[in-house]
């Protein structure tokens, strides 16, 4: 298969994963209203931003892991909002 075709398919899959993770986070009662950015690198979803508490971070990880094609979730750039 042509390398350009493979790269295009991978980019489309990555875009689909990002869209599914973002929509899941924005629709969830625990995480909606918070600014969480979503990126992907080789099947690893990278989440960044600030959430209300550790339970909310656990929840967005759960949302991301449920999306087909996600190999793992990196939350090193997520933090808990200070009061």
C-alpha atoms as a PDB file:
ATOM      1  CA  UNK A   1       0.000   0.000   0.000  1.00  0.00           C
ATOM      2  CA  UNK A   2       1.202   3.499  -0.788  1.00  0.00           C
ATOM      3  CA  UNK A   3       2.792   5.296   2.194  1.00  0.00           C
ATOM      4  CA  UNK A   4       0.661   8.395   1.571  1.00  0.00           C
ATOM      5  CA  UNK A   5      -2.518   6.306   1.718  1.00  0.00           C
ATOM      6  CA  UNK A   6      -1.445   4.738   5.015  1.00  0.00           C
ATOM      7  CA  UNK A   7      -0.598   8.141   6.493  1.00  0.00           C
ATOM      8  CA  UNK A   8      -3.957   9.537   5.359  1.00  0.00           C
ATOM      9  CA  UNK A   9      -5.807   6.613   6.938  1.00  0.00           C
ATOM     10  CA  UNK A  10      -3.852   7.036  10.185  1.00  0.00           C
ATOM     11  CA  UNK A  11      -4.612  10.765  10.257  1.00  0.00           C
ATOM     12  CA  UNK A  12      -8.300  10.071   9.678  1.00  0.00           C
ATOM     13  CA  UNK A  13      -8.322   7.461  12.464  1.00  0.00           C
ATOM     14  CA  UNK A  14      -6.556   9.871  14.816  1.00  0.00           C
ATOM     15  CA  UNK A  15      -9.081  12.618  14.013  1.00  0.00           C
ATOM     16  CA  UNK A  16     -11.940  10.211  14.688  1.00  0.00           C
ATOM     17  CA  UNK A  17     -10.430   9.177  18.046  1.00  0.00           C
ATOM     18  CA  UNK A  18      -9.912  12.808  19.082  1.00  0.00           C
ATOM     19  CA  UNK A  19     -13.497  13.679  18.135  1.00  0.00           C
ATOM     20  CA  UNK A  20     -14.920  10.713  20.074  1.00  0.00           C
ATOM     21  CA  UNK A  21     -12.857  11.480  23.190  1.00  0.00           C
ATOM     22  CA  UNK A  22     -13.700  15.202  23.093  1.00  0.00           C
ATOM     23  CA  UNK A  23     -17.410  14.581  22.612  1.00  0.00           C
ATOM     24  CA  UNK A  24     -17.424  12.065  25.466  1.00  0.00           C
ATOM     25  CA  UNK A  25     -15.675  14.496  27.803  1.00  0.00           C
ATOM     26  CA  UNK A  26     -17.921  17.423  26.865  1.00  0.00           C
ATOM     27  CA  UNK A  27     -21.087  15.329  27.291  1.00  0.00           C
ATOM     28  CA  UNK A  28     -20.124  13.930  30.688  1.00  0.00           C
ATOM     29  CA  UNK A  29     -21.644  15.607  33.762  1.00  0.00           C
ATOM     30  CA  UNK A  30     -18.383  15.328  35.725  1.00  0.00           C
ATOM     31  CA  UNK A  31     -16.088  16.903  33.134  1.00  0.00           C
ATOM     32  CA  UNK A  32     -18.263  19.214  31.027  1.00  0.00           C
ATOM     33  CA  UNK A  33     -17.611  22.877  31.634  1.00  0.00           C
ATOM     34  CA  UNK A  34     -13.893  22.293  32.085  1.00  0.00           C
ATOM     35  CA  UNK A  35     -11.289  22.944  29.405  1.00  0.00           C
ATOM     36  CA  UNK A  36      -9.613  19.656  28.522  1.00  0.00           C
ATOM     37  CA  UNK A  37      -7.495  19.441  25.384  1.00  0.00           C
ATOM     38  CA  UNK A  38      -7.111  16.165  23.535  1.00  0.00           C
ATOM     39  CA  UNK A  39      -4.214  15.123  21.318  1.00  0.00           C
ATOM     40  CA  UNK A  40      -3.038  11.747  20.057  1.00  0.00           C
ATOM     41  CA  UNK A  41       0.352  10.295  19.302  1.00  0.00           C
ATOM     42  CA  UNK A  42       0.654   6.743  17.986  1.00  0.00           C
ATOM     43  CA  UNK A  43      -2.506   5.568  19.724  1.00  0.00           C
ATOM     44  CA  UNK A  44      -1.718   7.359  22.991  1.00  0.00           C
ATOM     45  CA  UNK A  45      -4.340   9.942  23.911  1.00  0.00           C
ATOM     46  CA  UNK A  46      -2.765  12.942  25.640  1.00  0.00           C
ATOM     47  CA  UNK A  47      -5.124  14.942  27.857  1.00  0.00           C
ATOM     48  CA  UNK A  48      -4.234  18.367  29.194  1.00  0.00           C
ATOM     49  CA  UNK A  49      -6.066  21.015  31.169  1.00  0.00           C
ATOM     50  CA  UNK A  50      -7.647  21.452  34.579  1.00  0.00           C
ATOM     51  CA  UNK A  51     -10.467  19.498  36.197  1.00  0.00           C
ATOM     52  CA  UNK A  52     -12.345  19.862  39.484  1.00  0.00           C
ATOM     53  CA  UNK A  53     -10.762  16.918  41.309  1.00  0.00           C
ATOM     54  CA  UNK A  54      -8.987  13.568  41.007  1.00  0.00           C
ATOM     55  CA  UNK A  55     -12.298  11.779  40.460  1.00  0.00           C
ATOM     56  CA  UNK A  56     -12.903  13.943  37.378  1.00  0.00           C
ATOM     57  CA  UNK A  57      -9.444  13.051  36.067  1.00  0.00           C
ATOM     58  CA  UNK A  58     -10.218   9.363  36.595  1.00  0.00           C
ATOM     59  CA  UNK A  59     -13.505   9.858  34.752  1.00  0.00           C
ATOM     60  CA  UNK A  60     -11.939  11.447  31.633  1.00  0.00           C
ATOM     61  CA  UNK A  61      -9.366   8.639  31.533  1.00  0.00           C
ATOM     62  CA  UNK A  62     -12.227   6.143  31.598  1.00  0.00           C
ATOM     63  CA  UNK A  63     -13.984   8.005  28.780  1.00  0.00           C
ATOM     64  CA  UNK A  64     -10.849   8.047  26.641  1.00  0.00           C
ATOM     65  CA  UNK A  65     -10.031   4.378  27.255  1.00  0.00           C
ATOM     66  CA  UNK A  66     -13.474   3.311  26.024  1.00  0.00           C
ATOM     67  CA  UNK A  67     -12.820   4.734  22.547  1.00  0.00           C
ATOM     68  CA  UNK A  68     -11.788   2.135  19.980  1.00  0.00           C
ATOM     69  CA  UNK A  69      -8.185   2.587  18.853  1.00  0.00           C
ATOM     70  CA  UNK A  70      -6.903   4.131  22.089  1.00  0.00           C
ATOM     71  CA  UNK A  71      -3.841   2.222  23.301  1.00  0.00           C
ATOM     72  CA  UNK A  72      -3.263   4.248  26.461  1.00  0.00           C
ATOM     73  CA  UNK A  73      -3.998   7.615  28.058  1.00  0.00           C
ATOM     74  CA  UNK A  74      -1.402  10.149  29.239  1.00  0.00           C
ATOM     75  CA  UNK A  75      -2.707  12.515  31.930  1.00  0.00           C
ATOM     76  CA  UNK A  76       0.616  14.043  32.980  1.00  0.00           C
ATOM     77  CA  UNK A  77      -0.606  17.431  31.714  1.00  0.00           C
ATOM     78  CA  UNK A  78      -3.909  17.344  33.638  1.00  0.00           C
ATOM     79  CA  UNK A  79      -4.212  19.102  36.960  1.00  0.00           C
ATOM     80  CA  UNK A  80      -6.766  19.689  39.690  1.00  0.00           C
ATOM     81  CA  UNK A  81      -8.204  23.210  39.895  1.00  0.00           C
ATOM     82  CA  UNK A  82      -7.143  25.136  42.953  1.00  0.00           C
ATOM     83  CA  UNK A  83      -9.941  26.505  45.111  1.00  0.00           C
END
